[in-house]
Amino acid sequence: MNSPRKFIRKFIVDIATSADGFIARPDGDIEWLNRRPDTVDYGMAAFYPTIDTIIWGRKTCDWALDYHKKAGTQDAIFDTRLVNYVFSSKPAKQPIPGVQFISEPVKEFAQRLRATPGKHIWIMGGGELIASFLDAGEIDEFDIHVIPVFIGEGIPLIAPRHRDVPLRLLSSKDYPDGIVRLHYEVER
């Protein structure tokens, strides 16, 4: 019988999906998420203090930069109180404050990061990045917020590949607006 791995630092995917399993529309648009009321926390206030590192995929990073540019906001895109890594074979043309670009293999990076003292690590997205960490055996938990909307097509939570990954439900919570939070541990 496989026992769960015990780490001081966990790699956690905390993400929202549509009811049909997409994290964004095909072009990366997530406006369907912005229709939610901003009066409900959905667990982020408790989660955020447990992390000190965020891992972004390059497309998610580029989307965030473009979104802020279009919105004309002066807010910092990346929380510089945390360590922000972006996985990409091509670093940005200009430095991005608070961001380090990573191009090393996922397994080596994850094991190196786990070996350093710190809090948990949030894998922000997207689907290719999540799939890479999952296939390397380097995701410990999924905290999935299922939004009650079908968007029909888009970027799946995890890029498709042949895999069987058993999950163990740690908790579930439903919210008055129909969102359901599913917290899973990846079984080893």
N, C-alpha and C. Protein backbone atom coordinates (compact mmCIF):
# COMPACT_ATOMS: atom_id res chain seq x y z
N MET A 1 0.84 -1.18 0.00
CA MET A 1 0.00 0.00 0.00
C MET A 1 0.88 1.24 0.00
N ASN A 2 0.59 2.16 -0.88
CA ASN A 2 1.36 3.40 -0.95
C ASN A 2 0.91 4.36 0.14
N SER A 3 1.87 4.89 0.87
CA SER A 3 1.52 5.90 1.86
C SER A 3 1.79 7.27 1.27
N PRO A 4 0.99 8.27 1.67
CA PRO A 4 1.22 9.61 1.11
C PRO A 4 2.58 10.15 1.52
N ARG A 5 3.19 10.90 0.58
CA ARG A 5 4.47 11.52 0.89
C ARG A 5 4.23 12.67 1.85
N LYS A 6 5.12 12.83 2.80
CA LYS A 6 5.01 13.93 3.75
C LYS A 6 6.13 14.91 3.46
N PHE A 7 5.77 16.13 3.09
CA PHE A 7 6.73 17.17 2.81
C PHE A 7 6.44 18.35 3.71
N ILE A 8 7.47 19.07 4.00
CA ILE A 8 7.28 20.32 4.70
C ILE A 8 6.62 21.30 3.74
N ARG A 9 7.10 21.34 2.51
CA ARG A 9 6.55 22.23 1.49
C ARG A 9 5.73 21.42 0.50
N LYS A 10 4.51 21.83 0.28
CA LYS A 10 3.64 21.15 -0.69
C LYS A 10 3.48 22.02 -1.93
N PHE A 11 3.34 21.36 -3.07
CA PHE A 11 2.97 22.02 -4.32
C PHE A 11 1.45 21.88 -4.43
N ILE A 12 0.76 23.01 -4.44
CA ILE A 12 -0.69 23.02 -4.42
C ILE A 12 -1.23 23.79 -5.63
N VAL A 13 -2.13 23.16 -6.36
CA VAL A 13 -2.86 23.83 -7.42
C VAL A 13 -4.14 24.35 -6.79
N ASP A 14 -4.29 25.65 -6.70
CA ASP A 14 -5.52 26.27 -6.21
C ASP A 14 -6.06 27.07 -7.38
N ILE A 15 -7.20 26.63 -7.93
CA ILE A 15 -7.64 27.16 -9.21
C ILE A 15 -9.16 27.05 -9.35
N ALA A 16 -9.71 27.83 -10.24
CA ALA A 16 -11.14 27.75 -10.57
C ALA A 16 -11.29 27.13 -11.95
N THR A 17 -12.35 26.34 -12.09
CA THR A 17 -12.69 25.77 -13.39
C THR A 17 -14.18 26.01 -13.66
N SER A 18 -14.52 26.02 -14.92
CA SER A 18 -15.94 26.02 -15.28
C SER A 18 -16.49 24.64 -14.92
N ALA A 19 -17.81 24.52 -14.92
CA ALA A 19 -18.42 23.22 -14.61
C ALA A 19 -18.06 22.17 -15.64
N ASP A 20 -17.64 22.59 -16.83
CA ASP A 20 -17.20 21.63 -17.84
C ASP A 20 -15.68 21.47 -17.88
N GLY A 21 -14.98 21.91 -16.84
CA GLY A 21 -13.58 21.58 -16.65
C GLY A 21 -12.54 22.47 -17.29
N PHE A 22 -12.92 23.68 -17.70
CA PHE A 22 -11.96 24.58 -18.34
C PHE A 22 -11.51 25.69 -17.39
N ILE A 23 -10.25 26.08 -17.49
CA ILE A 23 -9.72 27.17 -16.67
C ILE A 23 -9.77 28.50 -17.39
N ALA A 24 -9.98 28.47 -18.70
CA ALA A 24 -10.07 29.69 -19.51
C ALA A 24 -10.67 29.33 -20.87
N ARG A 25 -11.11 30.35 -21.58
CA ARG A 25 -11.58 30.15 -22.95
C ARG A 25 -10.35 29.84 -23.83
N PRO A 26 -10.53 29.40 -25.06
CA PRO A 26 -9.38 29.05 -25.91
C PRO A 26 -8.35 30.17 -26.06
N ASP A 27 -8.80 31.43 -26.02
CA ASP A 27 -7.87 32.55 -26.15
C ASP A 27 -7.30 33.02 -24.81
N GLY A 28 -7.59 32.29 -23.74
CA GLY A 28 -7.09 32.65 -22.42
C GLY A 28 -8.02 33.53 -21.61
N ASP A 29 -9.12 33.97 -22.20
CA ASP A 29 -10.06 34.87 -21.52
C ASP A 29 -10.69 34.18 -20.31
N ILE A 30 -10.77 34.93 -19.20
CA ILE A 30 -11.41 34.41 -17.98
C ILE A 30 -12.49 35.37 -17.46
N GLU A 31 -13.04 36.18 -18.33
CA GLU A 31 -14.08 37.12 -17.90
C GLU A 31 -15.26 36.42 -17.24
N TRP A 32 -15.54 35.16 -17.61
CA TRP A 32 -16.61 34.41 -16.97
C TRP A 32 -16.36 34.25 -15.47
N LEU A 33 -15.10 34.32 -15.03
CA LEU A 33 -14.78 34.27 -13.60
C LEU A 33 -15.06 35.61 -12.92
N ASN A 34 -14.89 36.69 -13.62
CA ASN A 34 -15.05 38.02 -13.04
C ASN A 34 -16.50 38.38 -12.77
N ARG A 35 -17.42 37.55 -13.16
CA ARG A 35 -18.84 37.79 -12.89
C ARG A 35 -19.24 37.36 -11.49
N ARG A 36 -18.32 36.75 -10.76
CA ARG A 36 -18.61 36.28 -9.40
C ARG A 36 -18.66 37.47 -8.46
N PRO A 37 -19.45 37.37 -7.38
CA PRO A 37 -19.46 38.47 -6.41
C PRO A 37 -18.11 38.57 -5.71
N ASP A 38 -17.67 39.78 -5.45
CA ASP A 38 -16.38 39.92 -4.76
C ASP A 38 -16.55 40.01 -3.25
N THR A 39 -17.74 39.65 -2.77
CA THR A 39 -17.99 39.67 -1.33
C THR A 39 -17.72 38.32 -0.68
N VAL A 40 -17.45 37.29 -1.48
CA VAL A 40 -17.19 35.96 -0.95
C VAL A 40 -15.72 35.64 -1.13
N ASP A 41 -15.11 35.07 -0.12
CA ASP A 41 -13.67 34.81 -0.13
C ASP A 41 -13.30 33.48 -0.79
N TYR A 42 -14.10 32.47 -0.69
CA TYR A 42 -13.84 31.14 -1.26
C TYR A 42 -12.55 30.49 -0.73
N GLY A 43 -12.08 30.92 0.45
CA GLY A 43 -10.93 30.28 1.08
C GLY A 43 -9.59 30.93 0.81
N MET A 44 -9.53 31.96 -0.02
CA MET A 44 -8.25 32.56 -0.37
C MET A 44 -7.58 33.25 0.83
N ALA A 45 -8.36 33.85 1.71
CA ALA A 45 -7.77 34.53 2.88
C ALA A 45 -7.04 33.54 3.78
N ALA A 46 -7.52 32.32 3.85
CA ALA A 46 -6.84 31.30 4.66
C ALA A 46 -5.67 30.68 3.89
N PHE A 47 -5.81 30.53 2.56
CA PHE A 47 -4.78 29.89 1.76
C PHE A 47 -3.54 30.76 1.58
N TYR A 48 -3.73 32.02 1.24
CA TYR A 48 -2.62 32.89 0.86
C TYR A 48 -1.49 32.97 1.90
N PRO A 49 -1.79 33.06 3.18
CA PRO A 49 -0.69 33.11 4.17
C PRO A 49 0.10 31.80 4.30
N THR A 50 -0.39 30.71 3.70
CA THR A 50 0.31 29.43 3.79
C THR A 50 1.35 29.26 2.69
N ILE A 51 1.42 30.22 1.75
CA ILE A 51 2.37 30.12 0.63
C ILE A 51 3.40 31.23 0.70
N ASP A 52 4.55 30.99 0.09
CA ASP A 52 5.55 32.05 -0.08
C ASP A 52 6.12 32.06 -1.49
N THR A 53 5.55 31.19 -2.34
CA THR A 53 6.05 31.03 -3.70
C THR A 53 4.87 30.77 -4.64
N ILE A 54 4.91 31.40 -5.83
CA ILE A 54 3.91 31.14 -6.86
C ILE A 54 4.64 30.74 -8.14
N ILE A 55 4.15 29.69 -8.77
CA ILE A 55 4.71 29.24 -10.04
C ILE A 55 3.67 29.50 -11.12
N TRP A 56 4.11 30.23 -12.15
CA TRP A 56 3.26 30.62 -13.26
C TRP A 56 3.74 29.94 -14.54
N GLY A 57 2.82 29.62 -15.42
CA GLY A 57 3.18 29.24 -16.77
C GLY A 57 3.40 30.52 -17.56
N ARG A 58 4.13 30.42 -18.66
CA ARG A 58 4.44 31.60 -19.46
C ARG A 58 3.18 32.25 -20.04
N LYS A 59 2.24 31.43 -20.52
CA LYS A 59 1.02 31.99 -21.09
C LYS A 59 0.20 32.70 -20.02
N THR A 60 0.16 32.15 -18.82
CA THR A 60 -0.58 32.80 -17.72
C THR A 60 0.09 34.11 -17.35
N CYS A 61 1.41 34.12 -17.32
CA CYS A 61 2.16 35.35 -17.03
C CYS A 61 1.87 36.40 -18.10
N ASP A 62 1.97 36.02 -19.35
CA ASP A 62 1.72 36.96 -20.44
C ASP A 62 0.29 37.48 -20.40
N TRP A 63 -0.67 36.59 -20.10
CA TRP A 63 -2.06 37.01 -20.00
C TRP A 63 -2.22 38.06 -18.89
N ALA A 64 -1.61 37.81 -17.72
CA ALA A 64 -1.71 38.74 -16.59
C ALA A 64 -1.11 40.10 -16.94
N LEU A 65 0.03 40.09 -17.60
CA LEU A 65 0.66 41.35 -18.02
C LEU A 65 -0.24 42.11 -19.00
N ASP A 66 -0.79 41.39 -19.98
CA ASP A 66 -1.65 42.01 -20.98
C ASP A 66 -2.95 42.53 -20.35
N TYR A 67 -3.52 41.76 -19.43
CA TYR A 67 -4.77 42.14 -18.77
C TYR A 67 -4.59 43.44 -17.99
N HIS A 68 -3.50 43.54 -17.24
CA HIS A 68 -3.24 44.76 -16.47
C HIS A 68 -2.97 45.94 -17.39
N LYS A 69 -2.29 45.69 -18.48
CA LYS A 69 -2.00 46.77 -19.44
C LYS A 69 -3.30 47.31 -20.04
N LYS A 70 -4.19 46.39 -20.46
CA LYS A 70 -5.47 46.80 -21.05
C LYS A 70 -6.34 47.51 -20.02
N ALA A 71 -6.29 47.04 -18.77
CA ALA A 71 -7.11 47.65 -17.72
C ALA A 71 -6.56 49.00 -17.28
N GLY A 72 -5.30 49.24 -17.60
CA GLY A 72 -4.68 50.51 -17.23
C GLY A 72 -4.46 50.66 -15.73
N THR A 73 -4.36 49.53 -15.03
CA THR A 73 -4.16 49.59 -13.59
C THR A 73 -2.69 49.81 -13.26
N GLN A 74 -2.47 50.48 -12.17
CA GLN A 74 -1.11 50.73 -11.69
C GLN A 74 -0.70 49.72 -10.62
N ASP A 75 -1.62 48.82 -10.27
CA ASP A 75 -1.33 47.82 -9.24
C ASP A 75 -0.20 46.91 -9.71
N ALA A 76 0.57 46.42 -8.75
CA ALA A 76 1.61 45.44 -9.07
C ALA A 76 0.93 44.15 -9.54
N ILE A 77 1.43 43.59 -10.60
CA ILE A 77 0.85 42.36 -11.13
C ILE A 77 1.27 41.17 -10.28
N PHE A 78 2.53 41.16 -9.89
CA PHE A 78 3.07 40.06 -9.12
C PHE A 78 3.36 40.54 -7.70
N ASP A 79 2.91 39.77 -6.73
CA ASP A 79 3.13 40.11 -5.33
C ASP A 79 4.61 39.92 -5.03
N THR A 80 5.34 40.99 -4.89
CA THR A 80 6.79 40.91 -4.69
C THR A 80 7.16 40.50 -3.27
N ARG A 81 6.17 40.32 -2.39
CA ARG A 81 6.46 39.75 -1.05
C ARG A 81 6.67 38.25 -1.16
N LEU A 82 6.28 37.69 -2.30
CA LEU A 82 6.42 36.26 -2.56
C LEU A 82 7.46 36.06 -3.66
N VAL A 83 7.96 34.85 -3.78
CA VAL A 83 8.84 34.50 -4.89
C VAL A 83 7.95 34.05 -6.04
N ASN A 84 8.12 34.66 -7.20
CA ASN A 84 7.34 34.33 -8.38
C ASN A 84 8.26 33.73 -9.44
N TYR A 85 7.96 32.50 -9.84
CA TYR A 85 8.71 31.84 -10.90
C TYR A 85 7.80 31.70 -12.11
N VAL A 86 8.35 31.92 -13.29
CA VAL A 86 7.63 31.70 -14.53
C VAL A 86 8.40 30.65 -15.32
N PHE A 87 7.74 29.55 -15.67
CA PHE A 87 8.37 28.51 -16.47
C PHE A 87 8.29 28.90 -17.93
N SER A 88 9.46 29.02 -18.56
CA SER A 88 9.51 29.39 -19.97
C SER A 88 10.90 29.13 -20.51
N SER A 89 10.95 28.71 -21.76
CA SER A 89 12.26 28.55 -22.41
C SER A 89 12.77 29.90 -22.91
N LYS A 90 11.89 30.90 -22.93
CA LYS A 90 12.27 32.24 -23.38
C LYS A 90 11.97 33.26 -22.28
N PRO A 91 13.01 33.81 -21.66
CA PRO A 91 12.75 34.84 -20.65
C PRO A 91 12.17 36.10 -21.29
N ALA A 92 11.60 36.94 -20.45
CA ALA A 92 11.02 38.19 -20.94
C ALA A 92 12.10 39.08 -21.53
N LYS A 93 11.72 39.91 -22.51
CA LYS A 93 12.67 40.83 -23.13
C LYS A 93 13.13 41.89 -22.15
N GLN A 94 12.23 42.29 -21.27
CA GLN A 94 12.57 43.25 -20.22
C GLN A 94 12.29 42.59 -18.89
N PRO A 95 13.09 42.88 -17.86
CA PRO A 95 12.85 42.29 -16.55
C PRO A 95 11.46 42.65 -16.02
N ILE A 96 10.85 41.71 -15.34
CA ILE A 96 9.55 41.92 -14.71
C ILE A 96 9.80 41.94 -13.21
N PRO A 97 9.47 43.04 -12.54
CA PRO A 97 9.74 43.12 -11.10
C PRO A 97 9.12 41.96 -10.33
N GLY A 98 9.95 41.31 -9.52
CA GLY A 98 9.49 40.22 -8.67
C GLY A 98 9.35 38.88 -9.34
N VAL A 99 9.87 38.72 -10.58
CA VAL A 99 9.70 37.48 -11.33
C VAL A 99 11.05 36.90 -11.73
N GLN A 100 11.19 35.59 -11.54
CA GLN A 100 12.37 34.87 -12.02
C GLN A 100 11.90 33.87 -13.07
N PHE A 101 12.58 33.82 -14.20
CA PHE A 101 12.24 32.87 -15.25
C PHE A 101 13.03 31.59 -15.05
N ILE A 102 12.34 30.45 -15.23
CA ILE A 102 12.93 29.13 -15.01
C ILE A 102 12.78 28.32 -16.28
N SER A 103 13.87 27.66 -16.68
CA SER A 103 13.78 26.80 -17.86
C SER A 103 14.31 25.39 -17.58
N GLU A 104 14.64 25.10 -16.33
CA GLU A 104 15.17 23.78 -16.00
C GLU A 104 14.05 22.74 -15.94
N PRO A 105 14.37 21.46 -15.99
CA PRO A 105 13.35 20.43 -15.93
C PRO A 105 12.53 20.53 -14.64
N VAL A 106 11.24 20.25 -14.75
CA VAL A 106 10.31 20.40 -13.64
C VAL A 106 10.75 19.59 -12.42
N LYS A 107 11.09 18.35 -12.61
CA LYS A 107 11.45 17.47 -11.48
C LYS A 107 12.63 18.04 -10.70
N GLU A 108 13.69 18.43 -11.40
CA GLU A 108 14.87 18.98 -10.73
C GLU A 108 14.53 20.26 -9.98
N PHE A 109 13.78 21.15 -10.62
CA PHE A 109 13.39 22.40 -9.99
C PHE A 109 12.55 22.14 -8.74
N ALA A 110 11.54 21.27 -8.88
CA ALA A 110 10.64 20.98 -7.76
C ALA A 110 11.39 20.38 -6.58
N GLN A 111 12.27 19.44 -6.84
CA GLN A 111 13.02 18.82 -5.75
C GLN A 111 13.95 19.82 -5.07
N ARG A 112 14.56 20.69 -5.86
CA ARG A 112 15.42 21.73 -5.29
C ARG A 112 14.61 22.68 -4.42
N LEU A 113 13.43 23.07 -4.91
CA LEU A 113 12.58 23.99 -4.17
C LEU A 113 12.04 23.35 -2.90
N ARG A 114 11.66 22.09 -2.96
CA ARG A 114 11.18 21.38 -1.77
C ARG A 114 12.25 21.31 -0.68
N ALA A 115 13.50 21.24 -1.11
CA ALA A 115 14.61 21.08 -0.15
C ALA A 115 14.95 22.38 0.58
N THR A 116 14.39 23.49 0.14
CA THR A 116 14.67 24.77 0.80
C THR A 116 13.58 25.05 1.82
N PRO A 117 13.94 25.71 2.92
CA PRO A 117 12.92 26.04 3.92
C PRO A 117 11.91 27.03 3.34
N GLY A 118 10.69 26.91 3.79
CA GLY A 118 9.67 27.85 3.35
C GLY A 118 8.28 27.30 3.53
N LYS A 119 7.33 28.08 3.03
CA LYS A 119 5.92 27.70 3.09
C LYS A 119 5.58 26.90 1.84
N HIS A 120 4.29 26.65 1.67
CA HIS A 120 3.84 25.89 0.50
C HIS A 120 4.01 26.70 -0.79
N ILE A 121 3.87 26.01 -1.90
CA ILE A 121 4.10 26.58 -3.23
C ILE A 121 2.80 26.46 -4.03
N TRP A 122 2.35 27.59 -4.55
CA TRP A 122 1.11 27.65 -5.32
C TRP A 122 1.44 27.55 -6.80
N ILE A 123 0.90 26.53 -7.45
CA ILE A 123 1.01 26.43 -8.90
C ILE A 123 -0.21 27.14 -9.46
N MET A 124 0.02 28.30 -10.04
CA MET A 124 -1.04 29.18 -10.51
C MET A 124 -1.69 28.67 -11.80
N GLY A 125 -0.93 28.14 -12.71
CA GLY A 125 -1.48 27.71 -13.99
C GLY A 125 -0.56 28.12 -15.09
N GLY A 126 -0.85 27.65 -16.25
CA GLY A 126 -2.04 27.04 -16.79
C GLY A 126 -1.95 25.53 -16.91
N GLY A 127 -2.80 25.03 -17.82
CA GLY A 127 -2.99 23.60 -17.99
C GLY A 127 -1.75 22.82 -18.37
N GLU A 128 -0.88 23.39 -19.20
CA GLU A 128 0.37 22.70 -19.58
C GLU A 128 1.32 22.61 -18.39
N LEU A 129 1.43 23.70 -17.65
CA LEU A 129 2.32 23.72 -16.47
C LEU A 129 1.83 22.73 -15.42
N ILE A 130 0.52 22.74 -15.15
CA ILE A 130 -0.05 21.82 -14.17
C ILE A 130 0.22 20.38 -14.62
N ALA A 131 0.01 20.09 -15.89
CA ALA A 131 0.25 18.74 -16.42
C ALA A 131 1.71 18.33 -16.25
N SER A 132 2.63 19.26 -16.50
CA SER A 132 4.06 18.95 -16.37
C SER A 132 4.42 18.59 -14.94
N PHE A 133 3.91 19.36 -13.97
CA PHE A 133 4.19 19.06 -12.56
C PHE A 133 3.50 17.77 -12.13
N LEU A 134 2.29 17.55 -12.61
CA LEU A 134 1.56 16.32 -12.27
C LEU A 134 2.28 15.10 -12.83
N ASP A 135 2.70 15.17 -14.09
CA ASP A 135 3.38 14.04 -14.71
C ASP A 135 4.75 13.78 -14.09
N ALA A 136 5.36 14.80 -13.49
CA ALA A 136 6.64 14.62 -12.80
C ALA A 136 6.43 14.12 -11.37
N GLY A 137 5.18 13.96 -10.95
CA GLY A 137 4.89 13.50 -9.59
C GLY A 137 5.13 14.59 -8.55
N GLU A 138 4.99 15.84 -8.95
CA GLU A 138 5.34 16.94 -8.06
C GLU A 138 4.16 17.85 -7.68
N ILE A 139 2.96 17.30 -7.71
CA ILE A 139 1.81 18.03 -7.16
C ILE A 139 1.29 17.22 -5.99
N ASP A 140 1.06 17.91 -4.89
CA ASP A 140 0.57 17.26 -3.68
C ASP A 140 -0.93 17.40 -3.50
N GLU A 141 -1.47 18.58 -3.85
CA GLU A 141 -2.88 18.83 -3.63
C GLU A 141 -3.49 19.66 -4.76
N PHE A 142 -4.78 19.46 -4.97
CA PHE A 142 -5.59 20.29 -5.86
C PHE A 142 -6.72 20.88 -5.02
N ASP A 143 -6.88 22.18 -5.10
CA ASP A 143 -8.01 22.86 -4.48
C ASP A 143 -8.76 23.51 -5.64
N ILE A 144 -9.83 22.85 -6.07
CA ILE A 144 -10.53 23.24 -7.29
C ILE A 144 -11.86 23.87 -6.92
N HIS A 145 -12.07 25.07 -7.42
CA HIS A 145 -13.33 25.77 -7.23
C HIS A 145 -14.12 25.65 -8.53
N VAL A 146 -15.19 24.88 -8.50
CA VAL A 146 -16.00 24.65 -9.69
C VAL A 146 -17.05 25.76 -9.77
N ILE A 147 -16.96 26.56 -10.83
CA ILE A 147 -17.86 27.69 -11.05
C ILE A 147 -19.09 27.19 -11.82
N PRO A 148 -20.29 27.51 -11.38
CA PRO A 148 -21.49 26.97 -12.04
C PRO A 148 -21.79 27.65 -13.37
N VAL A 149 -20.94 27.37 -14.34
CA VAL A 149 -21.13 27.88 -15.69
C VAL A 149 -20.45 26.92 -16.66
N PHE A 150 -21.10 26.66 -17.80
CA PHE A 150 -20.47 25.92 -18.88
C PHE A 150 -19.95 26.96 -19.88
N ILE A 151 -18.70 26.80 -20.32
CA ILE A 151 -18.19 27.72 -21.33
C ILE A 151 -17.99 27.03 -22.68
N GLY A 152 -18.22 25.72 -22.72
CA GLY A 152 -18.27 25.01 -24.00
C GLY A 152 -16.95 24.53 -24.57
N GLU A 153 -15.93 25.35 -24.49
CA GLU A 153 -14.62 24.97 -24.98
C GLU A 153 -13.59 25.86 -24.30
N GLY A 154 -12.35 25.38 -24.30
CA GLY A 154 -11.33 26.21 -23.67
C GLY A 154 -10.09 25.44 -23.31
N ILE A 155 -9.35 26.01 -22.38
CA ILE A 155 -8.11 25.41 -21.90
C ILE A 155 -8.48 24.52 -20.72
N PRO A 156 -8.19 23.21 -20.83
CA PRO A 156 -8.57 22.31 -19.74
C PRO A 156 -7.68 22.52 -18.51
N LEU A 157 -8.22 22.12 -17.37
CA LEU A 157 -7.48 22.21 -16.11
C LEU A 157 -6.10 21.57 -16.25
N ILE A 158 -6.04 20.44 -16.91
CA ILE A 158 -4.78 19.72 -17.11
C ILE A 158 -4.69 19.36 -18.59
N ALA A 159 -3.57 19.68 -19.22
CA ALA A 159 -3.38 19.34 -20.63
C ALA A 159 -3.56 17.84 -20.82
N PRO A 160 -4.28 17.46 -21.87
CA PRO A 160 -4.59 16.04 -22.08
C PRO A 160 -3.34 15.20 -22.36
N ARG A 161 -3.26 14.11 -21.68
CA ARG A 161 -2.26 13.07 -21.90
C ARG A 161 -2.87 11.78 -21.35
N HIS A 162 -2.30 10.66 -21.68
CA HIS A 162 -2.77 9.40 -21.10
C HIS A 162 -2.21 9.31 -19.68
N ARG A 163 -3.10 9.30 -18.70
CA ARG A 163 -2.66 9.19 -17.31
C ARG A 163 -3.82 8.73 -16.44
N ASP A 164 -3.50 8.11 -15.36
CA ASP A 164 -4.45 7.77 -14.30
C ASP A 164 -3.83 8.28 -13.00
N VAL A 165 -4.43 9.27 -12.41
CA VAL A 165 -3.91 9.86 -11.18
C VAL A 165 -5.01 9.81 -10.13
N PRO A 166 -4.90 8.89 -9.19
CA PRO A 166 -5.94 8.80 -8.15
C PRO A 166 -5.83 9.97 -7.18
N LEU A 167 -7.00 10.48 -6.79
CA LEU A 167 -7.08 11.57 -5.84
C LEU A 167 -7.87 11.12 -4.62
N ARG A 168 -7.54 11.68 -3.47
CA ARG A 168 -8.29 11.41 -2.24
C ARG A 168 -8.93 12.72 -1.79
N LEU A 169 -10.25 12.71 -1.65
CA LEU A 169 -10.96 13.91 -1.25
C LEU A 169 -10.63 14.26 0.20
N LEU A 170 -10.10 15.46 0.42
CA LEU A 170 -9.81 15.94 1.77
C LEU A 170 -11.00 16.70 2.35
N SER A 171 -11.67 17.48 1.49
CA SER A 171 -12.84 18.23 1.95
C SER A 171 -13.61 18.75 0.75
N SER A 172 -14.85 19.13 0.99
CA SER A 172 -15.65 19.81 -0.02
C SER A 172 -16.49 20.85 0.70
N LYS A 173 -16.80 21.90 -0.03
CA LYS A 173 -17.61 22.98 0.54
C LYS A 173 -18.43 23.58 -0.57
N ASP A 174 -19.70 23.81 -0.29
CA ASP A 174 -20.52 24.50 -1.28
C ASP A 174 -20.84 25.89 -0.75
N TYR A 175 -20.92 26.84 -1.68
CA TYR A 175 -21.17 28.24 -1.35
C TYR A 175 -22.57 28.62 -1.82
N PRO A 176 -23.16 29.65 -1.22
CA PRO A 176 -24.53 30.04 -1.57
C PRO A 176 -24.72 30.40 -3.05
N ASP A 177 -23.66 30.82 -3.73
CA ASP A 177 -23.79 31.20 -5.14
C ASP A 177 -23.60 30.02 -6.10
N GLY A 178 -23.49 28.80 -5.55
CA GLY A 178 -23.40 27.61 -6.38
C GLY A 178 -22.00 27.10 -6.63
N ILE A 179 -20.99 27.84 -6.22
CA ILE A 179 -19.61 27.36 -6.37
C ILE A 179 -19.38 26.21 -5.41
N VAL A 180 -18.65 25.21 -5.88
CA VAL A 180 -18.29 24.07 -5.04
C VAL A 180 -16.77 24.00 -4.99
N ARG A 181 -16.23 23.91 -3.80
CA ARG A 181 -14.79 23.80 -3.60
C ARG A 181 -14.46 22.35 -3.28
N LEU A 182 -13.57 21.75 -4.07
CA LEU A 182 -13.14 20.37 -3.90
C LEU A 182 -11.65 20.36 -3.60
N HIS A 183 -11.30 19.85 -2.45
CA HIS A 183 -9.89 19.83 -2.03
C HIS A 183 -9.42 18.36 -2.03
N TYR A 184 -8.48 18.07 -2.91
CA TYR A 184 -7.98 16.71 -3.09
C TYR A 184 -6.50 16.60 -2.77
N GLU A 185 -6.10 15.44 -2.32
CA GLU A 185 -4.69 15.08 -2.20
C GLU A 185 -4.38 14.10 -3.32
N VAL A 186 -3.23 14.27 -3.95
CA VAL A 186 -2.80 13.32 -4.98
C VAL A 186 -2.27 12.09 -4.25
N GLU A 187 -2.86 10.94 -4.53
CA GLU A 187 -2.42 9.70 -3.89
C GLU A 187 -1.13 9.23 -4.52
N ARG A 188 -0.28 8.67 -3.71
CA ARG A 188 1.00 8.13 -4.17
C ARG A 188 0.98 6.63 -4.09
